Amino acid sequence: TRLLAPLDTALWDRRLVDDVFGFYRAF
């Protein structure tokens, strides 16, 4: 388990995050 930065490069593209993780990147 890790806590990610809100603006981590892995989360830059909201649509990618949704496509891969099914997760809404809220900022």
mmCIF file of all heavy atoms, coordinates in Angstrom:
data_MODEL
# 
_entry.id   MODEL 
# 
loop_
_atom_site.group_PDB 
_atom_site.id 
_atom_site.type_symbol 
_atom_site.label_atom_id 
_atom_site.label_alt_id 
_atom_site.label_comp_id 
_atom_site.label_asym_id 
_atom_site.label_entity_id 
_atom_site.label_seq_id 
_atom_site.pdbx_PDB_ins_code 
_atom_site.Cartn_x 
_atom_site.Cartn_y 
_atom_site.Cartn_z 
_atom_site.occupancy 
_atom_site.B_iso_or_equiv 
_atom_site.pdbx_formal_charge 
_atom_site.auth_seq_id 
_atom_site.auth_comp_id 
_atom_site.auth_asym_id 
_atom_site.auth_atom_id 
_atom_site.pdbx_PDB_model_num 
ATOM 1   N N   . THR A 1 1  ? 0.844   -1.196 0.000   1.00 0.00 ? 1  THR A N   1 
ATOM 2   C CA  . THR A 1 1  ? 0.000   0.000  0.000   1.00 0.00 ? 1  THR A CA  1 
ATOM 3   C C   . THR A 1 1  ? 0.881   1.248  0.000   1.00 0.00 ? 1  THR A C   1 
ATOM 4   O O   . THR A 1 1  ? 1.807   1.366  0.804   1.00 0.00 ? 1  THR A O   1 
ATOM 5   C CB  . THR A 1 1  ? -0.923  0.020  1.225   1.00 0.00 ? 1  THR A CB  1 
ATOM 6   O OG1 . THR A 1 1  ? -1.669  -1.198 1.270   1.00 0.00 ? 1  THR A OG1 1 
ATOM 7   C CG2 . THR A 1 1  ? -1.890  1.189  1.155   1.00 0.00 ? 1  THR A CG2 1 
ATOM 8   N N   . ARG A 1 2  ? 0.580   2.168  -0.902  1.00 0.00 ? 2  ARG A N   1 
ATOM 9   C CA  . ARG A 1 2  ? 1.322   3.439  -0.991  1.00 0.00 ? 2  ARG A CA  1 
ATOM 10  C C   . ARG A 1 2  ? 0.326   4.577  -1.145  1.00 0.00 ? 2  ARG A C   1 
ATOM 11  O O   . ARG A 1 2  ? -0.738  4.408  -1.748  1.00 0.00 ? 2  ARG A O   1 
ATOM 12  C CB  . ARG A 1 2  ? 2.259   3.467  -2.202  1.00 0.00 ? 2  ARG A CB  1 
ATOM 13  C CG  . ARG A 1 2  ? 3.162   2.265  -2.378  1.00 0.00 ? 2  ARG A CG  1 
ATOM 14  C CD  . ARG A 1 2  ? 3.931   2.384  -3.681  1.00 0.00 ? 2  ARG A CD  1 
ATOM 15  N NE  . ARG A 1 2  ? 4.512   1.109  -4.053  1.00 0.00 ? 2  ARG A NE  1 
ATOM 16  C CZ  . ARG A 1 2  ? 5.785   0.916  -4.350  1.00 0.00 ? 2  ARG A CZ  1 
ATOM 17  N NH1 . ARG A 1 2  ? 6.617   1.927  -4.318  1.00 0.00 ? 2  ARG A NH1 1 
ATOM 18  N NH2 . ARG A 1 2  ? 6.237   -0.274 -4.696  1.00 0.00 ? 2  ARG A NH2 1 
ATOM 19  N N   . LEU A 1 3  ? 0.694   5.734  -0.651  1.00 0.00 ? 3  LEU A N   1 
ATOM 20  C CA  . LEU A 1 3  ? -0.059  6.959  -0.903  1.00 0.00 ? 3  LEU A CA  1 
ATOM 21  C C   . LEU A 1 3  ? 0.608   7.684  -2.059  1.00 0.00 ? 3  LEU A C   1 
ATOM 22  O O   . LEU A 1 3  ? 1.823   7.909  -2.048  1.00 0.00 ? 3  LEU A O   1 
ATOM 23  C CB  . LEU A 1 3  ? -0.070  7.851  0.340   1.00 0.00 ? 3  LEU A CB  1 
ATOM 24  C CG  . LEU A 1 3  ? -0.746  7.259  1.573   1.00 0.00 ? 3  LEU A CG  1 
ATOM 25  C CD1 . LEU A 1 3  ? -0.617  8.219  2.761   1.00 0.00 ? 3  LEU A CD1 1 
ATOM 26  C CD2 . LEU A 1 3  ? -2.207  6.952  1.306   1.00 0.00 ? 3  LEU A CD2 1 
ATOM 27  N N   . LEU A 1 4  ? -0.171  8.032  -3.074  1.00 0.00 ? 4  LEU A N   1 
ATOM 28  C CA  . LEU A 1 4  ? 0.371   8.701  -4.257  1.00 0.00 ? 4  LEU A CA  1 
ATOM 29  C C   . LEU A 1 4  ? 0.177   10.204 -4.153  1.00 0.00 ? 4  LEU A C   1 
ATOM 30  O O   . LEU A 1 4  ? -0.771  10.692 -3.530  1.00 0.00 ? 4  LEU A O   1 
ATOM 31  C CB  . LEU A 1 4  ? -0.309  8.187  -5.522  1.00 0.00 ? 4  LEU A CB  1 
ATOM 32  C CG  . LEU A 1 4  ? -0.190  6.692  -5.822  1.00 0.00 ? 4  LEU A CG  1 
ATOM 33  C CD1 . LEU A 1 4  ? -0.767  6.410  -7.199  1.00 0.00 ? 4  LEU A CD1 1 
ATOM 34  C CD2 . LEU A 1 4  ? 1.249   6.213  -5.732  1.00 0.00 ? 4  LEU A CD2 1 
ATOM 35  N N   . ALA A 1 5  ? 1.067   10.932 -4.787  1.00 0.00 ? 5  ALA A N   1 
ATOM 36  C CA  . ALA A 1 5  ? 0.924   12.382 -4.859  1.00 0.00 ? 5  ALA A CA  1 
ATOM 37  C C   . ALA A 1 5  ? -0.292  12.735 -5.704  1.00 0.00 ? 5  ALA A C   1 
ATOM 38  O O   . ALA A 1 5  ? -0.580  12.069 -6.705  1.00 0.00 ? 5  ALA A O   1 
ATOM 39  C CB  . ALA A 1 5  ? 2.183   12.991 -5.468  1.00 0.00 ? 5  ALA A CB  1 
ATOM 40  N N   . PRO A 1 6  ? -1.025  13.777 -5.339  1.00 0.00 ? 6  PRO A N   1 
ATOM 41  C CA  . PRO A 1 6  ? -2.200  14.161 -6.140  1.00 0.00 ? 6  PRO A CA  1 
ATOM 42  C C   . PRO A 1 6  ? -1.859  14.479 -7.585  1.00 0.00 ? 6  PRO A C   1 
ATOM 43  O O   . PRO A 1 6  ? -2.691  14.309 -8.475  1.00 0.00 ? 6  PRO A O   1 
ATOM 44  C CB  . PRO A 1 6  ? -2.734  15.400 -5.408  1.00 0.00 ? 6  PRO A CB  1 
ATOM 45  C CG  . PRO A 1 6  ? -2.193  15.295 -4.027  1.00 0.00 ? 6  PRO A CG  1 
ATOM 46  C CD  . PRO A 1 6  ? -0.859  14.621 -4.151  1.00 0.00 ? 6  PRO A CD  1 
ATOM 47  N N   . LEU A 1 7  ? -0.628  14.960 -7.837  1.00 0.00 ? 7  LEU A N   1 
ATOM 48  C CA  . LEU A 1 7  ? -0.205  15.334 -9.187  1.00 0.00 ? 7  LEU A CA  1 
ATOM 49  C C   . LEU A 1 7  ? 0.901   14.413 -9.694  1.00 0.00 ? 7  LEU A C   1 
ATOM 50  O O   . LEU A 1 7  ? 1.740   14.813 -10.494 1.00 0.00 ? 7  LEU A O   1 
ATOM 51  C CB  . LEU A 1 7  ? 0.267   16.797 -9.189  1.00 0.00 ? 7  LEU A CB  1 
ATOM 52  C CG  . LEU A 1 7  ? -0.794  17.811 -8.730  1.00 0.00 ? 7  LEU A CG  1 
ATOM 53  C CD1 . LEU A 1 7  ? -0.194  19.200 -8.617  1.00 0.00 ? 7  LEU A CD1 1 
ATOM 54  C CD2 . LEU A 1 7  ? -1.984  17.818 -9.669  1.00 0.00 ? 7  LEU A CD2 1 
ATOM 55  N N   . ASP A 1 8  ? 0.883   13.164 -9.237  1.00 0.00 ? 8  ASP A N   1 
ATOM 56  C CA  . ASP A 1 8  ? 1.858   12.182 -9.686  1.00 0.00 ? 8  ASP A CA  1 
ATOM 57  C C   . ASP A 1 8  ? 1.763   12.004 -11.195 1.00 0.00 ? 8  ASP A C   1 
ATOM 58  O O   . ASP A 1 8  ? 0.678   12.061 -11.782 1.00 0.00 ? 8  ASP A O   1 
ATOM 59  C CB  . ASP A 1 8  ? 1.594   10.843 -8.988  1.00 0.00 ? 8  ASP A CB  1 
ATOM 60  C CG  . ASP A 1 8  ? 2.774   9.893  -9.061  1.00 0.00 ? 8  ASP A CG  1 
ATOM 61  O OD1 . ASP A 1 8  ? 3.029   9.381  -10.172 1.00 0.00 ? 8  ASP A OD1 1 
ATOM 62  O OD2 . ASP A 1 8  ? 3.426   9.647  -8.043  1.00 0.00 ? 8  ASP A OD2 1 
ATOM 63  N N   . THR A 1 9  ? 2.917   11.770 -11.846 1.00 0.00 ? 9  THR A N   1 
ATOM 64  C CA  . THR A 1 9  ? 2.902   11.579 -13.298 1.00 0.00 ? 9  THR A CA  1 
ATOM 65  C C   . THR A 1 9  ? 2.005   10.411 -13.709 1.00 0.00 ? 9  THR A C   1 
ATOM 66  O O   . THR A 1 9  ? 1.427   10.428 -14.802 1.00 0.00 ? 9  THR A O   1 
ATOM 67  C CB  . THR A 1 9  ? 4.323   11.334 -13.828 1.00 0.00 ? 9  THR A CB  1 
ATOM 68  O OG1 . THR A 1 9  ? 4.924   10.270 -13.090 1.00 0.00 ? 9  THR A OG1 1 
ATOM 69  C CG2 . THR A 1 9  ? 5.180   12.568 -13.708 1.00 0.00 ? 9  THR A CG2 1 
ATOM 70  N N   . ALA A 1 10 ? 1.869   9.393  -12.851 1.00 0.00 ? 10 ALA A N   1 
ATOM 71  C CA  . ALA A 1 10 ? 0.997   8.261  -13.170 1.00 0.00 ? 10 ALA A CA  1 
ATOM 72  C C   . ALA A 1 10 ? -0.461  8.684  -13.275 1.00 0.00 ? 10 ALA A C   1 
ATOM 73  O O   . ALA A 1 10 ? -1.286  7.953  -13.842 1.00 0.00 ? 10 ALA A O   1 
ATOM 74  C CB  . ALA A 1 10 ? 1.144   7.168  -12.109 1.00 0.00 ? 10 ALA A CB  1 
ATOM 75  N N   . LEU A 1 11 ? -0.802  9.874  -12.765 1.00 0.00 ? 11 LEU A N   1 
ATOM 76  C CA  . LEU A 1 11 ? -2.187  10.344 -12.728 1.00 0.00 ? 11 LEU A CA  1 
ATOM 77  C C   . LEU A 1 11 ? -2.425  11.549 -13.626 1.00 0.00 ? 11 LEU A C   1 
ATOM 78  O O   . LEU A 1 11 ? -3.509  12.126 -13.603 1.00 0.00 ? 11 LEU A O   1 
ATOM 79  C CB  . LEU A 1 11 ? -2.573  10.710 -11.286 1.00 0.00 ? 11 LEU A CB  1 
ATOM 80  C CG  . LEU A 1 11 ? -2.327  9.648  -10.217 1.00 0.00 ? 11 LEU A CG  1 
ATOM 81  C CD1 . LEU A 1 11 ? -2.614  10.223 -8.835  1.00 0.00 ? 11 LEU A CD1 1 
ATOM 82  C CD2 . LEU A 1 11 ? -3.182  8.416  -10.466 1.00 0.00 ? 11 LEU A CD2 1 
ATOM 83  N N   . TRP A 1 12 ? -1.426  11.927 -14.421 1.00 0.00 ? 12 TRP A N   1 
ATOM 84  C CA  . TRP A 1 12 ? -1.567  13.136 -15.229 1.00 0.00 ? 12 TRP A CA  1 
ATOM 85  C C   . TRP A 1 12 ? -2.769  13.088 -16.167 1.00 0.00 ? 12 TRP A C   1 
ATOM 86  O O   . TRP A 1 12 ? -3.438  14.088 -16.366 1.00 0.00 ? 12 TRP A O   1 
ATOM 87  C CB  . TRP A 1 12 ? -0.303  13.336 -16.065 1.00 0.00 ? 12 TRP A CB  1 
ATOM 88  C CG  . TRP A 1 12 ? 0.745   14.140 -15.372 1.00 0.00 ? 12 TRP A CG  1 
ATOM 89  C CD1 . TRP A 1 12 ? 0.700   14.660 -14.109 1.00 0.00 ? 12 TRP A CD1 1 
ATOM 90  C CD2 . TRP A 1 12 ? 2.012   14.526 -15.916 1.00 0.00 ? 12 TRP A CD2 1 
ATOM 91  N NE1 . TRP A 1 12 ? 1.859   15.333 -13.827 1.00 0.00 ? 12 TRP A NE1 1 
ATOM 92  C CE2 . TRP A 1 12 ? 2.688   15.274 -14.914 1.00 0.00 ? 12 TRP A CE2 1 
ATOM 93  C CE3 . TRP A 1 12 ? 2.643   14.296 -17.130 1.00 0.00 ? 12 TRP A CE3 1 
ATOM 94  C CZ2 . TRP A 1 12 ? 3.957   15.814 -15.121 1.00 0.00 ? 12 TRP A CZ2 1 
ATOM 95  C CZ3 . TRP A 1 12 ? 3.913   14.828 -17.336 1.00 0.00 ? 12 TRP A CZ3 1 
ATOM 96  C CH2 . TRP A 1 12 ? 4.556   15.580 -16.336 1.00 0.00 ? 12 TRP A CH2 1 
ATOM 97  N N   . ASP A 1 13 ? -3.028  11.943 -16.752 1.00 0.00 ? 13 ASP A N   1 
ATOM 98  C CA  . ASP A 1 13 ? -4.079  11.812 -17.765 1.00 0.00 ? 13 ASP A CA  1 
ATOM 99  C C   . ASP A 1 13 ? -5.298  11.152 -17.125 1.00 0.00 ? 13 ASP A C   1 
ATOM 100 O O   . ASP A 1 13 ? -5.325  9.949  -16.891 1.00 0.00 ? 13 ASP A O   1 
ATOM 101 C CB  . ASP A 1 13 ? -3.561  10.974 -18.937 1.00 0.00 ? 13 ASP A CB  1 
ATOM 102 C CG  . ASP A 1 13 ? -4.529  10.948 -20.114 1.00 0.00 ? 13 ASP A CG  1 
ATOM 103 O OD1 . ASP A 1 13 ? -5.735  11.202 -19.915 1.00 0.00 ? 13 ASP A OD1 1 
ATOM 104 O OD2 . ASP A 1 13 ? -4.083  10.658 -21.235 1.00 0.00 ? 13 ASP A OD2 1 
ATOM 105 N N   . ARG A 1 14 ? -6.320  11.953 -16.826 1.00 0.00 ? 14 ARG A N   1 
ATOM 106 C CA  . ARG A 1 14 ? -7.508  11.424 -16.146 1.00 0.00 ? 14 ARG A CA  1 
ATOM 107 C C   . ARG A 1 14 ? -8.159  10.286 -16.927 1.00 0.00 ? 14 ARG A C   1 
ATOM 108 O O   . ARG A 1 14 ? -8.646  9.319  -16.349 1.00 0.00 ? 14 ARG A O   1 
ATOM 109 C CB  . ARG A 1 14 ? -8.533  12.541 -15.932 1.00 0.00 ? 14 ARG A CB  1 
ATOM 110 C CG  . ARG A 1 14 ? -8.184  13.520 -14.826 1.00 0.00 ? 14 ARG A CG  1 
ATOM 111 C CD  . ARG A 1 14 ? -9.309  14.525 -14.643 1.00 0.00 ? 14 ARG A CD  1 
ATOM 112 N NE  . ARG A 1 14 ? -9.109  15.360 -13.478 1.00 0.00 ? 14 ARG A NE  1 
ATOM 113 C CZ  . ARG A 1 14 ? -8.435  16.517 -13.484 1.00 0.00 ? 14 ARG A CZ  1 
ATOM 114 N NH1 . ARG A 1 14 ? -7.917  16.949 -14.617 1.00 0.00 ? 14 ARG A NH1 1 
ATOM 115 N NH2 . ARG A 1 14 ? -8.308  17.231 -12.379 1.00 0.00 ? 14 ARG A NH2 1 
ATOM 116 N N   . ARG A 1 15 ? -8.193  10.427 -18.248 1.00 0.00 ? 15 ARG A N   1 
ATOM 117 C CA  . ARG A 1 15 ? -8.859  9.397  -19.047 1.00 0.00 ? 15 ARG A CA  1 
ATOM 118 C C   . ARG A 1 15 ? -8.080  8.090  -19.014 1.00 0.00 ? 15 ARG A C   1 
ATOM 119 O O   . ARG A 1 15 ? -8.665  7.006  -18.968 1.00 0.00 ? 15 ARG A O   1 
ATOM 120 C CB  . ARG A 1 15 ? -9.030  9.882  -20.488 1.00 0.00 ? 15 ARG A CB  1 
ATOM 121 C CG  . ARG A 1 15 ? -9.861  8.933  -21.332 1.00 0.00 ? 15 ARG A CG  1 
ATOM 122 C CD  . ARG A 1 15 ? -10.225 9.554  -22.658 1.00 0.00 ? 15 ARG A CD  1 
ATOM 123 N NE  . ARG A 1 15 ? -10.782 8.585  -23.574 1.00 0.00 ? 15 ARG A NE  1 
ATOM 124 C CZ  . ARG A 1 15 ? -11.049 8.830  -24.847 1.00 0.00 ? 15 ARG A CZ  1 
ATOM 125 N NH1 . ARG A 1 15 ? -10.819 10.031 -25.343 1.00 0.00 ? 15 ARG A NH1 1 
ATOM 126 N NH2 . ARG A 1 15 ? -11.544 7.888  -25.624 1.00 0.00 ? 15 ARG A NH2 1 
ATOM 127 N N   . LEU A 1 16 ? -6.759  8.167  -19.046 1.00 0.00 ? 16 LEU A N   1 
ATOM 128 C CA  . LEU A 1 16 ? -5.945  6.962  -18.909 1.00 0.00 ? 16 LEU A CA  1 
ATOM 129 C C   . LEU A 1 16 ? -6.196  6.294  -17.562 1.00 0.00 ? 16 LEU A C   1 
ATOM 130 O O   . LEU A 1 16 ? -6.348  5.072  -17.479 1.00 0.00 ? 16 LEU A O   1 
ATOM 131 C CB  . LEU A 1 16 ? -4.462  7.316  -19.047 1.00 0.00 ? 16 LEU A CB  1 
ATOM 132 C CG  . LEU A 1 16 ? -3.462  6.206  -18.689 1.00 0.00 ? 16 LEU A CG  1 
ATOM 133 C CD1 . LEU A 1 16 ? -3.572  5.041  -19.662 1.00 0.00 ? 16 LEU A CD1 1 
ATOM 134 C CD2 . LEU A 1 16 ? -2.039  6.756  -18.661 1.00 0.00 ? 16 LEU A CD2 1 
ATOM 135 N N   . VAL A 1 17 ? -6.239  7.079  -16.494 1.00 0.00 ? 17 VAL A N   1 
ATOM 136 C CA  . VAL A 1 17 ? -6.478  6.534  -15.155 1.00 0.00 ? 17 VAL A CA  1 
ATOM 137 C C   . VAL A 1 17 ? -7.831  5.838  -15.100 1.00 0.00 ? 17 VAL A C   1 
ATOM 138 O O   . VAL A 1 17 ? -7.975  4.766  -14.502 1.00 0.00 ? 17 VAL A O   1 
ATOM 139 C CB  . VAL A 1 17 ? -6.380  7.654  -14.098 1.00 0.00 ? 17 VAL A CB  1 
ATOM 140 C CG1 . VAL A 1 17 ? -6.776  7.138  -12.719 1.00 0.00 ? 17 VAL A CG1 1 
ATOM 141 C CG2 . VAL A 1 17 ? -4.961  8.217  -14.052 1.00 0.00 ? 17 VAL A CG2 1 
ATOM 142 N N   . ASP A 1 18 ? -8.819  6.416  -15.759 1.00 0.00 ? 18 ASP A N   1 
ATOM 143 C CA  . ASP A 1 18 ? -10.138 5.782  -15.802 1.00 0.00 ? 18 ASP A CA  1 
ATOM 144 C C   . ASP A 1 18 ? -10.102 4.501  -16.631 1.00 0.00 ? 18 ASP A C   1 
ATOM 145 O O   . ASP A 1 18 ? -10.648 3.462  -16.234 1.00 0.00 ? 18 ASP A O   1 
ATOM 146 C CB  . ASP A 1 18 ? -11.161 6.756  -16.379 1.00 0.00 ? 18 ASP A CB  1 
ATOM 147 C CG  . ASP A 1 18 ? -12.577 6.192  -16.384 1.00 0.00 ? 18 ASP A CG  1 
ATOM 148 O OD1 . ASP A 1 18 ? -12.983 5.576  -15.377 1.00 0.00 ? 18 ASP A OD1 1 
ATOM 149 O OD2 . ASP A 1 18 ? -13.264 6.341  -17.406 1.00 0.00 ? 18 ASP A OD2 1 
ATOM 150 N N   . ASP A 1 19 ? -9.431  4.550  -17.803 1.00 0.00 ? 19 ASP A N   1 
ATOM 151 C CA  . ASP A 1 19 ? -9.366  3.366  -18.666 1.00 0.00 ? 19 ASP A CA  1 
ATOM 152 C C   . ASP A 1 19 ? -8.624  2.204  -18.009 1.00 0.00 ? 19 ASP A C   1 
ATOM 153 O O   . ASP A 1 19 ? -9.001  1.041  -18.169 1.00 0.00 ? 19 ASP A O   1 
ATOM 154 C CB  . ASP A 1 19 ? -8.665  3.715  -19.994 1.00 0.00 ? 19 ASP A CB  1 
ATOM 155 C CG  . ASP A 1 19 ? -9.568  4.437  -20.976 1.00 0.00 ? 19 ASP A CG  1 
ATOM 156 O OD1 . ASP A 1 19 ? -10.795 4.473  -20.748 1.00 0.00 ? 19 ASP A OD1 1 
ATOM 157 O OD2 . ASP A 1 19 ? -9.050  4.966  -21.978 1.00 0.00 ? 19 ASP A OD2 1 
ATOM 158 N N   . VAL A 1 20 ? -7.566  2.509  -17.267 1.00 0.00 ? 20 VAL A N   1 
ATOM 159 C CA  . VAL A 1 20 ? -6.711  1.454  -16.718 1.00 0.00 ? 20 VAL A CA  1 
ATOM 160 C C   . VAL A 1 20 ? -7.176  1.007  -15.328 1.00 0.00 ? 20 VAL A C   1 
ATOM 161 O O   . VAL A 1 20 ? -7.222  -0.185 -15.038 1.00 0.00 ? 20 VAL A O   1 
ATOM 162 C CB  . VAL A 1 20 ? -5.240  1.930  -16.661 1.00 0.00 ? 20 VAL A CB  1 
ATOM 163 C CG1 . VAL A 1 20 ? -4.366  0.911  -15.942 1.00 0.00 ? 20 VAL A CG1 1 
ATOM 164 C CG2 . VAL A 1 20 ? -4.713  2.162  -18.076 1.00 0.00 ? 20 VAL A CG2 1 
ATOM 165 N N   . PHE A 1 21 ? -7.537  1.976  -14.479 1.00 0.00 ? 21 PHE A N   1 
ATOM 166 C CA  . PHE A 1 21 ? -7.872  1.655  -13.094 1.00 0.00 ? 21 PHE A CA  1 
ATOM 167 C C   . PHE A 1 21 ? -9.363  1.766  -12.774 1.00 0.00 ? 21 PHE A C   1 
ATOM 168 O O   . PHE A 1 21 ? -9.786  1.347  -11.693 1.00 0.00 ? 21 PHE A O   1 
ATOM 169 C CB  . PHE A 1 21 ? -7.112  2.584  -12.139 1.00 0.00 ? 21 PHE A CB  1 
ATOM 170 C CG  . PHE A 1 21 ? -5.621  2.426  -12.167 1.00 0.00 ? 21 PHE A CG  1 
ATOM 171 C CD1 . PHE A 1 21 ? -4.825  3.293  -12.900 1.00 0.00 ? 21 PHE A CD1 1 
ATOM 172 C CD2 . PHE A 1 21 ? -5.004  1.408  -11.463 1.00 0.00 ? 21 PHE A CD2 1 
ATOM 173 C CE1 . PHE A 1 21 ? -3.445  3.160  -12.928 1.00 0.00 ? 21 PHE A CE1 1 
ATOM 174 C CE2 . PHE A 1 21 ? -3.625  1.259  -11.483 1.00 0.00 ? 21 PHE A CE2 1 
ATOM 175 C CZ  . PHE A 1 21 ? -2.854  2.142  -12.221 1.00 0.00 ? 21 PHE A CZ  1 
ATOM 176 N N   . GLY A 1 22 ? -10.144 2.365  -13.677 1.00 0.00 ? 22 GLY A N   1 
ATOM 177 C CA  . GLY A 1 22 ? -11.539 2.618  -13.346 1.00 0.00 ? 22 GLY A CA  1 
ATOM 178 C C   . GLY A 1 22 ? -11.661 3.566  -12.172 1.00 0.00 ? 22 GLY A C   1 
ATOM 179 O O   . GLY A 1 22 ? -12.547 3.432  -11.325 1.00 0.00 ? 22 GLY A O   1 
ATOM 180 N N   . PHE A 1 23 ? -10.789 4.585  -12.116 1.00 0.00 ? 23 PHE A N   1 
ATOM 181 C CA  . PHE A 1 23 ? -10.663 5.464  -10.956 1.00 0.00 ? 23 PHE A CA  1 
ATOM 182 C C   . PHE A 1 23 ? -10.778 6.907  -11.422 1.00 0.00 ? 23 PHE A C   1 
ATOM 183 O O   . PHE A 1 23 ? -10.163 7.308  -12.409 1.00 0.00 ? 23 PHE A O   1 
ATOM 184 C CB  . PHE A 1 23 ? -9.302  5.220  -10.302 1.00 0.00 ? 23 PHE A CB  1 
ATOM 185 C CG  . PHE A 1 23 ? -9.051  5.972  -9.022  1.00 0.00 ? 23 PHE A CG  1 
ATOM 186 C CD1 . PHE A 1 23 ? -9.500  5.477  -7.809  1.00 0.00 ? 23 PHE A CD1 1 
ATOM 187 C CD2 . PHE A 1 23 ? -8.332  7.160  -9.028  1.00 0.00 ? 23 PHE A CD2 1 
ATOM 188 C CE1 . PHE A 1 23 ? -9.240  6.157  -6.627  1.00 0.00 ? 23 PHE A CE1 1 
ATOM 189 C CE2 . PHE A 1 23 ? -8.065  7.850  -7.850  1.00 0.00 ? 23 PHE A CE2 1 
ATOM 190 C CZ  . PHE A 1 23 ? -8.523  7.334  -6.644  1.00 0.00 ? 23 PHE A CZ  1 
ATOM 191 N N   . TYR A 1 24 ? -11.579 7.690  -10.709 1.00 0.00 ? 24 TYR A N   1 
ATOM 192 C CA  . TYR A 1 24 ? -11.726 9.114  -11.032 1.00 0.00 ? 24 TYR A CA  1 
ATOM 193 C C   . TYR A 1 24 ? -10.661 9.899  -10.274 1.00 0.00 ? 24 TYR A C   1 
ATOM 194 O O   . TYR A 1 24 ? -10.639 9.898  -9.047  1.00 0.00 ? 24 TYR A O   1 
ATOM 195 C CB  . TYR A 1 24 ? -13.121 9.612  -10.652 1.00 0.00 ? 24 TYR A CB  1 
ATOM 196 C CG  . TYR A 1 24 ? -13.265 11.109 -10.727 1.00 0.00 ? 24 TYR A CG  1 
ATOM 197 C CD1 . TYR A 1 24 ? -13.160 11.782 -11.953 1.00 0.00 ? 24 TYR A CD1 1 
ATOM 198 C CD2 . TYR A 1 24 ? -13.501 11.867 -9.573  1.00 0.00 ? 24 TYR A CD2 1 
ATOM 199 C CE1 . TYR A 1 24 ? -13.288 13.162 -12.020 1.00 0.00 ? 24 TYR A CE1 1 
ATOM 200 C CE2 . TYR A 1 24 ? -13.637 13.237 -9.634  1.00 0.00 ? 24 TYR A CE2 1 
ATOM 201 C CZ  . TYR A 1 24 ? -13.533 13.882 -10.859 1.00 0.00 ? 24 TYR A CZ  1 
ATOM 202 O OH  . TYR A 1 24 ? -13.649 15.250 -10.932 1.00 0.00 ? 24 TYR A OH  1 
ATOM 203 N N   . ARG A 1 25 ? -9.774  10.549 -11.015 1.00 0.00 ? 25 ARG A N   1 
ATOM 204 C CA  . ARG A 1 25 ? -8.715  11.323 -10.385 1.00 0.00 ? 25 ARG A CA  1 
ATOM 205 C C   . ARG A 1 25 ? -9.259  12.680 -9.976  1.00 0.00 ? 25 ARG A C   1 
ATOM 206 O O   . ARG A 1 25 ? -9.408  13.593 -10.769 1.00 0.00 ? 25 ARG A O   1 
ATOM 207 C CB  . ARG A 1 25 ? -7.538  11.517 -11.337 1.00 0.00 ? 25 ARG A CB  1 
ATOM 208 C CG  . ARG A 1 25 ? -6.261  11.935 -10.617 1.00 0.00 ? 25 ARG A CG  1 
ATOM 209 C CD  . ARG A 1 25 ? -5.379  12.795 -11.488 1.00 0.00 ? 25 ARG A CD  1 
ATOM 210 N NE  . ARG A 1 25 ? -5.796  14.199 -11.437 1.00 0.00 ? 25 ARG A NE  1 
ATOM 211 C CZ  . ARG A 1 25 ? -5.134  15.207 -12.002 1.00 0.00 ? 25 ARG A CZ  1 
ATOM 212 N NH1 . ARG A 1 25 ? -4.054  14.950 -12.688 1.00 0.00 ? 25 ARG A NH1 1 
ATOM 213 N NH2 . ARG A 1 25 ? -5.560  16.433 -11.904 1.00 0.00 ? 25 ARG A NH2 1 
ATOM 214 N N   . ALA A 1 26 ? -9.599  12.791 -8.685  1.00 0.00 ? 26 ALA A N   1 
ATOM 215 C CA  . ALA A 1 26 ? -10.178 14.024 -8.165  1.00 0.00 ? 26 ALA A CA  1 
ATOM 216 C C   . ALA A 1 26 ? -9.068  14.964 -7.706  1.00 0.00 ? 26 ALA A C   1 
ATOM 217 O O   . ALA A 1 26 ? -8.179  14.562 -6.961  1.00 0.00 ? 26 ALA A O   1 
ATOM 218 C CB  . ALA A 1 26 ? -11.114 13.710 -7.000  1.00 0.00 ? 26 ALA A CB  1 
ATOM 219 N N   . PHE A 1 27 ? -9.119  16.208 -8.156  1.00 0.00 ? 27 PHE A N   1 
ATOM 220 C CA  . PHE A 1 27 ? -8.216  17.241 -7.665  1.00 0.00 ? 27 PHE A CA  1 
ATOM 221 C C   . PHE A 1 27 ? -9.080  18.455 -7.379  1.00 0.00 ? 27 PHE A C   1 
ATOM 222 O O   . PHE A 1 27 ? -9.469  19.187 -8.286  1.00 0.00 ? 27 PHE A O   1 
ATOM 223 C CB  . PHE A 1 27 ? -7.129  17.546 -8.698  1.00 0.00 ? 27 PHE A CB  1 
ATOM 224 C CG  . PHE A 1 27 ? -6.058  18.467 -8.179  1.00 0.00 ? 27 PHE A CG  1 
ATOM 225 C CD1 . PHE A 1 27 ? -5.226  18.075 -7.147  1.00 0.00 ? 27 PHE A CD1 1 
ATOM 226 C CD2 . PHE A 1 27 ? -5.877  19.732 -8.730  1.00 0.00 ? 27 PHE A CD2 1 
ATOM 227 C CE1 . PHE A 1 27 ? -4.238  18.912 -6.657  1.00 0.00 ? 27 PHE A CE1 1 
ATOM 228 C CE2 . PHE A 1 27 ? -4.886  20.579 -8.260  1.00 0.00 ? 27 PHE A CE2 1 
ATOM 229 C CZ  . PHE A 1 27 ? -4.066  20.170 -7.220  1.00 0.00 ? 27 PHE A CZ  1 
# 
